[in-house]
Amino acid sequence: MNTPFQAQKGFTLIGLMIVIAILGIPVVVAVPTYQNHIGRAQASEALYLADDLKTEIGIFSAVNNRLPNAEDVGKQGTIGITAQRIGGTYIQNGGVINSLNDHMTKINAV
């Protein structure tokens, strides 16, 4: 006896491969663009933080007629006086930390 033909259920392997390829194309384009934006954001943040540090060092040098050194920073990482204009300390947490991408540069107080 012949049984009636039953329709297949589900996707074929080729159908799945086509769907994966179609979904993969935007991902291949989006990942490098996303990484580029992350790099730009990290560079902008580093410049922003360096600008604040430049202002704080400028205030210290205007008050003391010299640039701060390791003795001024001290063991706690602060430059002895508080900036009245900006309401904070000049350097905190044991020195200057500049972090960009996965590399970190830290200048510790002696």
PDB file of N, CA and C in Angstrom:
ATOM      1  N   MET A   1       0.807  -1.176   0.000  1.00  0.00           N
ATOM      2  CA  MET A   1       0.000   0.000   0.000  1.00  0.00           C
ATOM      3  C   MET A   1       0.853   1.244   0.000  1.00  0.00           C
ATOM      4  N   ASN A   2       0.365   2.179  -0.705  1.00  0.00           N
ATOM      5  CA  ASN A   2       1.052   3.464  -0.756  1.00  0.00           C
ATOM      6  C   ASN A   2       0.478   4.393   0.312  1.00  0.00           C
ATOM      7  N   THR A   3       1.387   5.065   1.018  1.00  0.00           N
ATOM      8  CA  THR A   3       0.940   6.055   2.000  1.00  0.00           C
ATOM      9  C   THR A   3       0.936   7.419   1.334  1.00  0.00           C
ATOM     10  N   PRO A   4       0.022   8.294   1.741  1.00  0.00           N
ATOM     11  CA  PRO A   4      -0.002   9.633   1.136  1.00  0.00           C
ATOM     12  C   PRO A   4       1.264  10.416   1.494  1.00  0.00           C
ATOM     13  N   PHE A   5       1.683  11.276   0.569  1.00  0.00           N
ATOM     14  CA  PHE A   5       2.890  12.099   0.758  1.00  0.00           C
ATOM     15  C   PHE A   5       2.653  13.100   1.884  1.00  0.00           C
ATOM     16  N   GLN A   6       3.607  13.147   2.829  1.00  0.00           N
ATOM     17  CA  GLN A   6       3.496  14.099   3.936  1.00  0.00           C
ATOM     18  C   GLN A   6       4.434  15.275   3.674  1.00  0.00           C
ATOM     19  N   ALA A   7       3.960  16.480   3.918  1.00  0.00           N
ATOM     20  CA  ALA A   7       4.779  17.683   3.725  1.00  0.00           C
ATOM     21  C   ALA A   7       5.861  17.731   4.804  1.00  0.00           C
ATOM     22  N   GLN A   8       7.032  18.208   4.413  1.00  0.00           N
ATOM     23  CA  GLN A   8       8.129  18.328   5.376  1.00  0.00           C
ATOM     24  C   GLN A   8       7.858  19.486   6.328  1.00  0.00           C
ATOM     25  N   LYS A   9       8.295  19.316   7.549  1.00  0.00           N
ATOM     26  CA  LYS A   9       8.150  20.367   8.544  1.00  0.00           C
ATOM     27  C   LYS A   9       9.541  20.863   8.910  1.00  0.00           C
ATOM     28  N   GLY A  10       9.684  22.159   9.089  1.00  0.00           N
ATOM     29  CA  GLY A  10      10.967  22.719   9.494  1.00  0.00           C
ATOM     30  C   GLY A  10      11.764  23.244   8.314  1.00  0.00           C
ATOM     31  N   PHE A  11      12.990  23.692   8.611  1.00  0.00           N
ATOM     32  CA  PHE A  11      13.874  24.271   7.607  1.00  0.00           C
ATOM     33  C   PHE A  11      14.852  23.225   7.100  1.00  0.00           C
ATOM     34  N   THR A  12      15.268  23.413   5.883  1.00  0.00           N
ATOM     35  CA  THR A  12      16.341  22.576   5.359  1.00  0.00           C
ATOM     36  C   THR A  12      17.669  23.194   5.762  1.00  0.00           C
ATOM     37  N   LEU A  13      18.725  22.456   5.599  1.00  0.00           N
ATOM     38  CA  LEU A  13      20.049  22.957   5.953  1.00  0.00           C
ATOM     39  C   LEU A  13      20.413  24.175   5.116  1.00  0.00           C
ATOM     40  N   ILE A  14      20.107  24.143   3.845  1.00  0.00           N
ATOM     41  CA  ILE A  14      20.425  25.281   2.972  1.00  0.00           C
ATOM     42  C   ILE A  14      19.615  26.503   3.381  1.00  0.00           C
ATOM     43  N   GLY A  15      18.365  26.307   3.739  1.00  0.00           N
ATOM     44  CA  GLY A  15      17.540  27.427   4.198  1.00  0.00           C
ATOM     45  C   GLY A  15      18.110  28.068   5.450  1.00  0.00           C
ATOM     46  N   LEU A  16      18.561  27.249   6.384  1.00  0.00           N
ATOM     47  CA  LEU A  16      19.170  27.780   7.608  1.00  0.00           C
ATOM     48  C   LEU A  16      20.468  28.527   7.309  1.00  0.00           C
ATOM     49  N   MET A  17      21.277  27.995   6.395  1.00  0.00           N
ATOM     50  CA  MET A  17      22.534  28.662   6.047  1.00  0.00           C
ATOM     51  C   MET A  17      22.276  30.018   5.402  1.00  0.00           C
ATOM     52  N   ILE A  18      21.248  30.131   4.583  1.00  0.00           N
ATOM     53  CA  ILE A  18      20.912  31.412   3.951  1.00  0.00           C
ATOM     54  C   ILE A  18      20.463  32.417   5.009  1.00  0.00           C
ATOM     55  N   VAL A  19      19.640  31.988   5.946  1.00  0.00           N
ATOM     56  CA  VAL A  19      19.182  32.888   7.016  1.00  0.00           C
ATOM     57  C   VAL A  19      20.359  33.358   7.865  1.00  0.00           C
ATOM     58  N   ILE A  20      21.263  32.459   8.214  1.00  0.00           N
ATOM     59  CA  ILE A  20      22.436  32.830   9.012  1.00  0.00           C
ATOM     60  C   ILE A  20      23.321  33.804   8.245  1.00  0.00           C
ATOM     61  N   ALA A  21      23.492  33.591   6.949  1.00  0.00           N
ATOM     62  CA  ALA A  21      24.304  34.508   6.138  1.00  0.00           C
ATOM     63  C   ALA A  21      23.664  35.883   6.067  1.00  0.00           C
ATOM     64  N   ILE A  22      22.349  35.939   5.901  1.00  0.00           N
ATOM     65  CA  ILE A  22      21.658  37.234   5.828  1.00  0.00           C
ATOM     66  C   ILE A  22      21.764  37.970   7.158  1.00  0.00           C
ATOM     67  N   LEU A  23      21.624  37.269   8.265  1.00  0.00           N
ATOM     68  CA  LEU A  23      21.746  37.908   9.578  1.00  0.00           C
ATOM     69  C   LEU A  23      23.195  38.246   9.919  1.00  0.00           C
ATOM     70  N   GLY A  24      24.144  37.531   9.366  1.00  0.00           N
ATOM     71  CA  GLY A  24      25.555  37.761   9.673  1.00  0.00           C
ATOM     72  C   GLY A  24      26.141  38.978   8.998  1.00  0.00           C
ATOM     73  N   ILE A  25      25.605  39.373   7.847  1.00  0.00           N
ATOM     74  CA  ILE A  25      26.164  40.519   7.115  1.00  0.00           C
ATOM     75  C   ILE A  25      26.080  41.806   7.938  1.00  0.00           C
ATOM     76  N   PRO A  26      24.944  42.168   8.535  1.00  0.00           N
ATOM     77  CA  PRO A  26      24.925  43.390   9.363  1.00  0.00           C
ATOM     78  C   PRO A  26      25.857  43.307  10.572  1.00  0.00           C
ATOM     79  N   VAL A  27      26.007  42.128  11.133  1.00  0.00           N
ATOM     80  CA  VAL A  27      26.902  41.965  12.282  1.00  0.00           C
ATOM     81  C   VAL A  27      28.342  42.229  11.868  1.00  0.00           C
ATOM     82  N   VAL A  28      28.736  41.722  10.710  1.00  0.00           N
ATOM     83  CA  VAL A  28      30.104  41.927  10.222  1.00  0.00           C
ATOM     84  C   VAL A  28      30.375  43.409   9.996  1.00  0.00           C
ATOM     85  N   VAL A  29      29.370  44.158   9.576  1.00  0.00           N
ATOM     86  CA  VAL A  29      29.536  45.599   9.354  1.00  0.00           C
ATOM     87  C   VAL A  29      29.467  46.358  10.675  1.00  0.00           C
ATOM     88  N   ALA A  30      28.602  45.939  11.590  1.00  0.00           N
ATOM     89  CA  ALA A  30      28.363  46.695  12.816  1.00  0.00           C
ATOM     90  C   ALA A  30      29.482  46.570  13.836  1.00  0.00           C
ATOM     91  N   VAL A  31      30.113  45.428  13.957  1.00  0.00           N
ATOM     92  CA  VAL A  31      31.132  45.219  14.997  1.00  0.00           C
ATOM     93  C   VAL A  31      32.328  46.152  14.823  1.00  0.00           C
ATOM     94  N   PRO A  32      32.945  46.284  13.642  1.00  0.00           N
ATOM     95  CA  PRO A  32      34.059  47.232  13.520  1.00  0.00           C
ATOM     96  C   PRO A  32      33.633  48.685  13.751  1.00  0.00           C
ATOM     97  N   THR A  33      32.427  49.032  13.326  1.00  0.00           N
ATOM     98  CA  THR A  33      31.932  50.390  13.562  1.00  0.00           C
ATOM     99  C   THR A  33      31.769  50.648  15.052  1.00  0.00           C
ATOM    100  N   TYR A  34      31.232  49.684  15.769  1.00  0.00           N
ATOM    101  CA  TYR A  34      31.066  49.803  17.214  1.00  0.00           C
ATOM    102  C   TYR A  34      32.418  49.948  17.906  1.00  0.00           C
ATOM    103  N   GLN A  35      33.392  49.137  17.509  1.00  0.00           N
ATOM    104  CA  GLN A  35      34.723  49.218  18.110  1.00  0.00           C
ATOM    105  C   GLN A  35      35.379  50.563  17.807  1.00  0.00           C
ATOM    106  N   ASN A  36      35.137  51.107  16.618  1.00  0.00           N
ATOM    107  CA  ASN A  36      35.671  52.420  16.269  1.00  0.00           C
ATOM    108  C   ASN A  36      35.077  53.497  17.174  1.00  0.00           C
ATOM    109  N   HIS A  37      33.773  53.424  17.425  1.00  0.00           N
ATOM    110  CA  HIS A  37      33.134  54.406  18.304  1.00  0.00           C
ATOM    111  C   HIS A  37      33.627  54.274  19.743  1.00  0.00           C
ATOM    112  N   ILE A  38      33.870  53.060  20.197  1.00  0.00           N
ATOM    113  CA  ILE A  38      34.409  52.852  21.545  1.00  0.00           C
ATOM    114  C   ILE A  38      35.794  53.489  21.657  1.00  0.00           C
ATOM    115  N   GLY A  39      36.645  53.286  20.659  1.00  0.00           N
ATOM    116  CA  GLY A  39      37.979  53.890  20.660  1.00  0.00           C
ATOM    117  C   GLY A  39      37.920  55.404  20.669  1.00  0.00           C
ATOM    118  N   ARG A  40      37.005  55.966  19.881  1.00  0.00           N
ATOM    119  CA  ARG A  40      36.851  57.428  19.871  1.00  0.00           C
ATOM    120  C   ARG A  40      36.386  57.946  21.228  1.00  0.00           C
ATOM    121  N   ALA A  41      35.460  57.241  21.854  1.00  0.00           N
ATOM    122  CA  ALA A  41      34.961  57.660  23.166  1.00  0.00           C
ATOM    123  C   ALA A  41      36.064  57.608  24.211  1.00  0.00           C
ATOM    124  N   GLN A  42      36.898  56.574  24.169  1.00  0.00           N
ATOM    125  CA  GLN A  42      38.001  56.473  25.127  1.00  0.00           C
ATOM    126  C   GLN A  42      39.017  57.583  24.908  1.00  0.00           C
ATOM    127  N   ALA A  43      39.315  57.911  23.658  1.00  0.00           N
ATOM    128  CA  ALA A  43      40.257  58.997  23.379  1.00  0.00           C
ATOM    129  C   ALA A  43      39.685  60.333  23.832  1.00  0.00           C
ATOM    130  N   SER A  44      38.395  60.564  23.607  1.00  0.00           N
ATOM    131  CA  SER A  44      37.765  61.807  24.053  1.00  0.00           C
ATOM    132  C   SER A  44      37.780  61.918  25.572  1.00  0.00           C
ATOM    133  N   GLU A  45      37.526  60.806  26.251  1.00  0.00           N
ATOM    134  CA  GLU A  45      37.547  60.822  27.710  1.00  0.00           C
ATOM    135  C   GLU A  45      38.948  61.117  28.234  1.00  0.00           C
ATOM    136  N   ALA A  46      39.961  60.544  27.608  1.00  0.00           N
ATOM    137  CA  ALA A  46      41.341  60.802  28.035  1.00  0.00           C
ATOM    138  C   ALA A  46      41.690  62.275  27.859  1.00  0.00           C
ATOM    139  N   LEU A  47      41.283  62.870  26.746  1.00  0.00           N
ATOM    140  CA  LEU A  47      41.546  64.300  26.531  1.00  0.00           C
ATOM    141  C   LEU A  47      40.788  65.155  27.538  1.00  0.00           C
ATOM    142  N   TYR A  48      39.555  64.780  27.836  1.00  0.00           N
ATOM    143  CA  TYR A  48      38.761  65.516  28.811  1.00  0.00           C
ATOM    144  C   TYR A  48      39.409  65.470  30.195  1.00  0.00           C
ATOM    145  N   LEU A  49      39.841  64.285  30.616  1.00  0.00           N
ATOM    146  CA  LEU A  49      40.479  64.157  31.925  1.00  0.00           C
ATOM    147  C   LEU A  49      41.817  64.885  31.968  1.00  0.00           C
ATOM    148  N   ALA A  50      42.564  64.852  30.874  1.00  0.00           N
ATOM    149  CA  ALA A  50      43.843  65.564  30.830  1.00  0.00           C
ATOM    150  C   ALA A  50      43.624  67.070  30.895  1.00  0.00           C
ATOM    151  N   ASP A  51      42.528  67.563  30.323  1.00  0.00           N
ATOM    152  CA  ASP A  51      42.242  68.995  30.370  1.00  0.00           C
ATOM    153  C   ASP A  51      41.952  69.443  31.800  1.00  0.00           C
ATOM    154  N   ASP A  52      41.200  68.636  32.557  1.00  0.00           N
ATOM    155  CA  ASP A  52      40.956  68.960  33.964  1.00  0.00           C
ATOM    156  C   ASP A  52      42.257  68.979  34.756  1.00  0.00           C
ATOM    157  N   LEU A  53      43.116  68.012  34.503  1.00  0.00           N
ATOM    158  CA  LEU A  53      44.402  67.956  35.194  1.00  0.00           C
ATOM    159  C   LEU A  53      45.252  69.172  34.846  1.00  0.00           C
ATOM    160  N   LYS A  54      45.211  69.584  33.582  1.00  0.00           N
ATOM    161  CA  LYS A  54      45.964  70.765  33.159  1.00  0.00           C
ATOM    162  C   LYS A  54      45.491  72.003  33.928  1.00  0.00           C
ATOM    163  N   THR A  55      44.189  72.135  34.116  1.00  0.00           N
ATOM    164  CA  THR A  55      43.644  73.268  34.869  1.00  0.00           C
ATOM    165  C   THR A  55      44.102  73.227  36.323  1.00  0.00           C
ATOM    166  N   GLU A  56      44.054  72.048  36.928  1.00  0.00           N
ATOM    167  CA  GLU A  56      44.448  71.925  38.331  1.00  0.00           C
ATOM    168  C   GLU A  56      45.931  72.217  38.526  1.00  0.00           C
ATOM    169  N   ILE A  57      46.767  71.743  37.621  1.00  0.00           N
ATOM    170  CA  ILE A  57      48.205  72.032  37.711  1.00  0.00           C
ATOM    171  C   ILE A  57      48.454  73.516  37.485  1.00  0.00           C
ATOM    172  N   GLY A  58      47.679  74.136  36.585  1.00  0.00           N
ATOM    173  CA  GLY A  58      47.804  75.578  36.361  1.00  0.00           C
ATOM    174  C   GLY A  58      47.460  76.385  37.598  1.00  0.00           C
ATOM    175  N   ILE A  59      46.406  75.990  38.308  1.00  0.00           N
ATOM    176  CA  ILE A  59      46.034  76.683  39.545  1.00  0.00           C
ATOM    177  C   ILE A  59      47.128  76.511  40.593  1.00  0.00           C
ATOM    178  N   PHE A  60      47.661  75.291  40.733  1.00  0.00           N
ATOM    179  CA  PHE A  60      48.734  75.052  41.695  1.00  0.00           C
ATOM    180  C   PHE A  60      49.951  75.906  41.364  1.00  0.00           C
ATOM    181  N   SER A  61      50.325  75.962  40.085  1.00  0.00           N
ATOM    182  CA  SER A  61      51.513  76.736  39.720  1.00  0.00           C
ATOM    183  C   SER A  61      51.276  78.231  39.883  1.00  0.00           C
ATOM    184  N   ALA A  62      50.036  78.706  39.709  1.00  0.00           N
ATOM    185  CA  ALA A  62      49.744  80.123  39.921  1.00  0.00           C
ATOM    186  C   ALA A  62      49.831  80.485  41.400  1.00  0.00           C
ATOM    187  N   VAL A  63      49.389  79.584  42.264  1.00  0.00           N
ATOM    188  CA  VAL A  63      49.429  79.842  43.700  1.00  0.00           C
ATOM    189  C   VAL A  63      50.852  79.737  44.236  1.00  0.00           C
ATOM    190  N   ASN A  64      51.628  78.753  43.768  1.00  0.00           N
ATOM    191  CA  ASN A  64      52.948  78.458  44.332  1.00  0.00           C
ATOM    192  C   ASN A  64      54.119  78.892  43.456  1.00  0.00           C
ATOM    193  N   ASN A  65      53.851  79.454  42.297  1.00  0.00           N
ATOM    194  CA  ASN A  65      54.891  79.893  41.350  1.00  0.00           C
ATOM    195  C   ASN A  65      55.836  78.761  40.938  1.00  0.00           C
ATOM    196  N   ARG A  66      55.341  77.547  40.888  1.00  0.00           N
ATOM    197  CA  ARG A  66      56.120  76.397  40.415  1.00  0.00           C
ATOM    198  C   ARG A  66      55.155  75.256  40.123  1.00  0.00           C
ATOM    199  N   LEU A  67      55.670  74.242  39.439  1.00  0.00           N
ATOM    200  CA  LEU A  67      54.859  73.065  39.144  1.00  0.00           C
ATOM    201  C   LEU A  67      54.912  72.083  40.315  1.00  0.00           C
ATOM    202  N   PRO A  68      53.866  71.279  40.519  1.00  0.00           N
ATOM    203  CA  PRO A  68      53.886  70.310  41.617  1.00  0.00           C
ATOM    204  C   PRO A  68      54.869  69.178  41.340  1.00  0.00           C
ATOM    205  N   ASN A  69      55.464  68.671  42.407  1.00  0.00           N
ATOM    206  CA  ASN A  69      56.355  67.515  42.286  1.00  0.00           C
ATOM    207  C   ASN A  69      55.830  66.395  43.187  1.00  0.00           C
ATOM    208  N   ALA A  70      56.591  65.324  43.303  1.00  0.00           N
ATOM    209  CA  ALA A  70      56.141  64.165  44.078  1.00  0.00           C
ATOM    210  C   ALA A  70      55.943  64.508  45.549  1.00  0.00           C
ATOM    211  N   GLU A  71      56.755  65.407  46.101  1.00  0.00           N
ATOM    212  CA  GLU A  71      56.593  65.789  47.508  1.00  0.00           C
ATOM    213  C   GLU A  71      55.289  66.546  47.716  1.00  0.00           C
ATOM    214  N   ASP A  72      54.887  67.341  46.728  1.00  0.00           N
ATOM    215  CA  ASP A  72      53.623  68.069  46.837  1.00  0.00           C
ATOM    216  C   ASP A  72      52.432  67.119  46.772  1.00  0.00           C
ATOM    217  N   VAL A  73      52.581  66.063  46.018  1.00  0.00           N
ATOM    218  CA  VAL A  73      51.497  65.094  45.890  1.00  0.00           C
ATOM    219  C   VAL A  73      51.339  64.310  47.183  1.00  0.00           C
ATOM    220  N   GLY A  74      52.438  63.914  47.799  1.00  0.00           N
ATOM    221  CA  GLY A  74      52.398  63.211  49.078  1.00  0.00           C
ATOM    222  C   GLY A  74      51.972  61.761  48.930  1.00  0.00           C
ATOM    223  N   LYS A  75      51.900  61.066  50.055  1.00  0.00           N
ATOM    224  CA  LYS A  75      51.564  59.641  50.026  1.00  0.00           C
ATOM    225  C   LYS A  75      50.108  59.394  49.696  1.00  0.00           C
ATOM    226  N   GLN A  76      49.235  60.315  50.024  1.00  0.00           N
ATOM    227  CA  GLN A  76      47.814  60.132  49.738  1.00  0.00           C
ATOM    228  C   GLN A  76      47.455  60.528  48.312  1.00  0.00           C
ATOM    229  N   GLY A  77      48.365  61.160  47.607  1.00  0.00           N
ATOM    230  CA  GLY A  77      48.089  61.520  46.230  1.00  0.00           C
ATOM    231  C   GLY A  77      47.373  62.838  46.060  1.00  0.00           C
ATOM    232  N   THR A  78      47.402  63.692  47.068  1.00  0.00           N
ATOM    233  CA  THR A  78      46.785  65.006  46.923  1.00  0.00           C
ATOM    234  C   THR A  78      47.864  66.064  47.004  1.00  0.00           C
ATOM    235  N   ILE A  79      47.666  67.142  46.290  1.00  0.00           N
ATOM    236  CA  ILE A  79      48.629  68.244  46.325  1.00  0.00           C
ATOM    237  C   ILE A  79      48.239  69.143  47.475  1.00  0.00           C
ATOM    238  N   GLY A  80      48.686  69.018  48.588  1.00  0.00           N
ATOM    239  CA  GLY A  80      48.533  69.813  49.785  1.00  0.00           C
ATOM    240  C   GLY A  80      47.380  70.775  49.947  1.00  0.00           C
ATOM    241  N   ILE A  81      46.951  71.519  48.942  1.00  0.00           N
ATOM    242  CA  ILE A  81      45.890  72.505  49.128  1.00  0.00           C
ATOM    243  C   ILE A  81      44.678  72.134  48.280  1.00  0.00           C
ATOM    244  N   THR A  82      43.543  72.690  48.670  1.00  0.00           N
ATOM    245  CA  THR A  82      42.303  72.456  47.925  1.00  0.00           C
ATOM    246  C   THR A  82      42.057  73.635  47.002  1.00  0.00           C
ATOM    247  N   ALA A  83      41.627  73.355  45.805  1.00  0.00           N
ATOM    248  CA  ALA A  83      41.321  74.422  44.853  1.00  0.00           C
ATOM    249  C   ALA A  83      39.996  75.058  45.240  1.00  0.00           C
ATOM    250  N   GLN A  84      40.020  76.331  45.577  1.00  0.00           N
ATOM    251  CA  GLN A  84      38.802  77.013  45.985  1.00  0.00           C
ATOM    252  C   GLN A  84      37.838  77.174  44.806  1.00  0.00           C
ATOM    253  N   ARG A  85      38.401  77.432  43.642  1.00  0.00           N
ATOM    254  CA  ARG A  85      37.572  77.713  42.484  1.00  0.00           C
ATOM    255  C   ARG A  85      36.825  76.476  41.990  1.00  0.00           C
ATOM    256  N   ILE A  86      37.466  75.321  42.027  1.00  0.00           N
ATOM    257  CA  ILE A  86      36.817  74.128  41.505  1.00  0.00           C
ATOM    258  C   ILE A  86      36.349  73.192  42.611  1.00  0.00           C
ATOM    259  N   GLY A  87      36.677  73.500  43.852  1.00  0.00           N
ATOM    260  CA  GLY A  87      36.152  72.760  44.987  1.00  0.00           C
ATOM    261  C   GLY A  87      36.604  71.319  45.100  1.00  0.00           C
ATOM    262  N   GLY A  88      37.843  71.018  44.740  1.00  0.00           N
ATOM    263  CA  GLY A  88      38.327  69.652  44.857  1.00  0.00           C
ATOM    264  C   GLY A  88      39.818  69.623  45.066  1.00  0.00           C
ATOM    265  N   THR A  89      40.376  68.457  45.209  1.00  0.00           N
ATOM    266  CA  THR A  89      41.818  68.337  45.331  1.00  0.00           C
ATOM    267  C   THR A  89      42.430  68.206  43.950  1.00  0.00           C
ATOM    268  N   TYR A  90      43.714  68.457  43.855  1.00  0.00           N
ATOM    269  CA  TYR A  90      44.372  68.476  42.552  1.00  0.00           C
ATOM    270  C   TYR A  90      44.597  67.079  41.990  1.00  0.00           C
ATOM    271  N   ILE A  91      45.171  66.201  42.786  1.00  0.00           N
ATOM    272  CA  ILE A  91      45.440  64.837  42.333  1.00  0.00           C
ATOM    273  C   ILE A  91      44.977  63.903  43.437  1.00  0.00           C
ATOM    274  N   GLN A  92      44.276  62.837  43.084  1.00  0.00           N
ATOM    275  CA  GLN A  92      43.743  61.934  44.098  1.00  0.00           C
ATOM    276  C   GLN A  92      44.233  60.513  43.876  1.00  0.00           C
ATOM    277  N   ASN A  93      44.082  59.706  44.911  1.00  0.00           N
ATOM    278  CA  ASN A  93      44.309  58.258  44.851  1.00  0.00           C
ATOM    279  C   ASN A  93      45.713  57.871  44.429  1.00  0.00           C
ATOM    280  N   GLY A  94      46.711  58.476  45.011  1.00  0.00           N
ATOM    281  CA  GLY A  94      48.081  58.024  44.813  1.00  0.00           C
ATOM    282  C   GLY A  94      48.722  58.401  43.507  1.00  0.00           C
ATOM    283  N   GLY A  95      48.215  59.350  42.787  1.00  0.00           N
ATOM    284  CA  GLY A  95      48.883  59.772  41.565  1.00  0.00           C
ATOM    285  C   GLY A  95      47.913  60.007  40.431  1.00  0.00           C
ATOM    286  N   VAL A  96      48.478  60.154  39.262  1.00  0.00           N
ATOM    287  CA  VAL A  96      47.707  60.422  38.056  1.00  0.00           C
ATOM    288  C   VAL A  96      47.504  59.097  37.329  1.00  0.00           C
ATOM    289  N   ILE A  97      46.277  58.795  36.974  1.00  0.00           N
ATOM    290  CA  ILE A  97      45.994  57.570  36.230  1.00  0.00           C
ATOM    291  C   ILE A  97      45.396  57.956  34.881  1.00  0.00           C
ATOM    292  N   ASN A  98      45.993  57.478  33.813  1.00  0.00           N
ATOM    293  CA  ASN A  98      45.475  57.703  32.474  1.00  0.00           C
ATOM    294  C   ASN A  98      45.206  56.347  31.854  1.00  0.00           C
ATOM    295  N   SER A  99      43.958  56.059  31.542  1.00  0.00           N
ATOM    296  CA  SER A  99      43.587  54.754  30.996  1.00  0.00           C
ATOM    297  C   SER A  99      43.002  54.940  29.607  1.00  0.00           C
ATOM    298  N   LEU A 100      43.578  54.268  28.628  1.00  0.00           N
ATOM    299  CA  LEU A 100      43.076  54.328  27.265  1.00  0.00           C
ATOM    300  C   LEU A 100      43.147  52.932  26.685  1.00  0.00           C
ATOM    301  N   ASN A 101      42.029  52.464  26.155  1.00  0.00           N
ATOM    302  CA  ASN A 101      41.918  51.093  25.634  1.00  0.00           C
ATOM    303  C   ASN A 101      42.199  50.105  26.757  1.00  0.00           C
ATOM    304  N   ASP A 102      43.084  49.168  26.559  1.00  0.00           N
ATOM    305  CA  ASP A 102      43.396  48.201  27.609  1.00  0.00           C
ATOM    306  C   ASP A 102      44.713  48.522  28.304  1.00  0.00           C
ATOM    307  N   HIS A 103      45.340  49.627  27.941  1.00  0.00           N
ATOM    308  CA  HIS A 103      46.635  49.981  28.517  1.00  0.00           C
ATOM    309  C   HIS A 103      46.425  51.055  29.574  1.00  0.00           C
ATOM    310  N   MET A 104      47.127  50.952  30.685  1.00  0.00           N
ATOM    311  CA  MET A 104      46.976  51.915  31.760  1.00  0.00           C
ATOM    312  C   MET A 104      48.338  52.452  32.153  1.00  0.00           C
ATOM    313  N   THR A 105      48.420  53.763  32.275  1.00  0.00           N
ATOM    314  CA  THR A 105      49.634  54.410  32.738  1.00  0.00           C
ATOM    315  C   THR A 105      49.325  55.036  34.083  1.00  0.00           C
ATOM    316  N   LYS A 106      50.099  54.731  35.092  1.00  0.00           N
ATOM    317  CA  LYS A 106      49.867  55.287  36.419  1.00  0.00           C
ATOM    318  C   LYS A 106      51.159  55.899  36.917  1.00  0.00           C
ATOM    319  N   ILE A 107      51.073  57.145  37.375  1.00  0.00           N
ATOM    320  CA  ILE A 107      52.224  57.834  37.944  1.00  0.00           C
ATOM    321  C   ILE A 107      51.966  57.933  39.435  1.00  0.00           C
ATOM    322  N   ASN A 108      52.675  57.167  40.221  1.00  0.00           N
ATOM    323  CA  ASN A 108      52.467  57.133  41.666  1.00  0.00           C
ATOM    324  C   ASN A 108      53.278  58.211  42.363  1.00  0.00           C
ATOM    325  N   ALA A 109      52.744  58.652  43.495  1.00  0.00           N
ATOM    326  CA  ALA A 109      53.490  59.565  44.346  1.00  0.00           C
ATOM    327  C   ALA A 109      54.573  58.783  45.074  1.00  0.00           C
ATOM    328  N   VAL A 110      55.701  59.414  45.300  1.00  0.00           N
ATOM    329  CA  VAL A 110      56.819  58.742  45.969  1.00  0.00           C
ATOM    330  C   VAL A 110      56.615  58.777  47.463  1.00  0.00           C
TER     331      VAL A 110
END
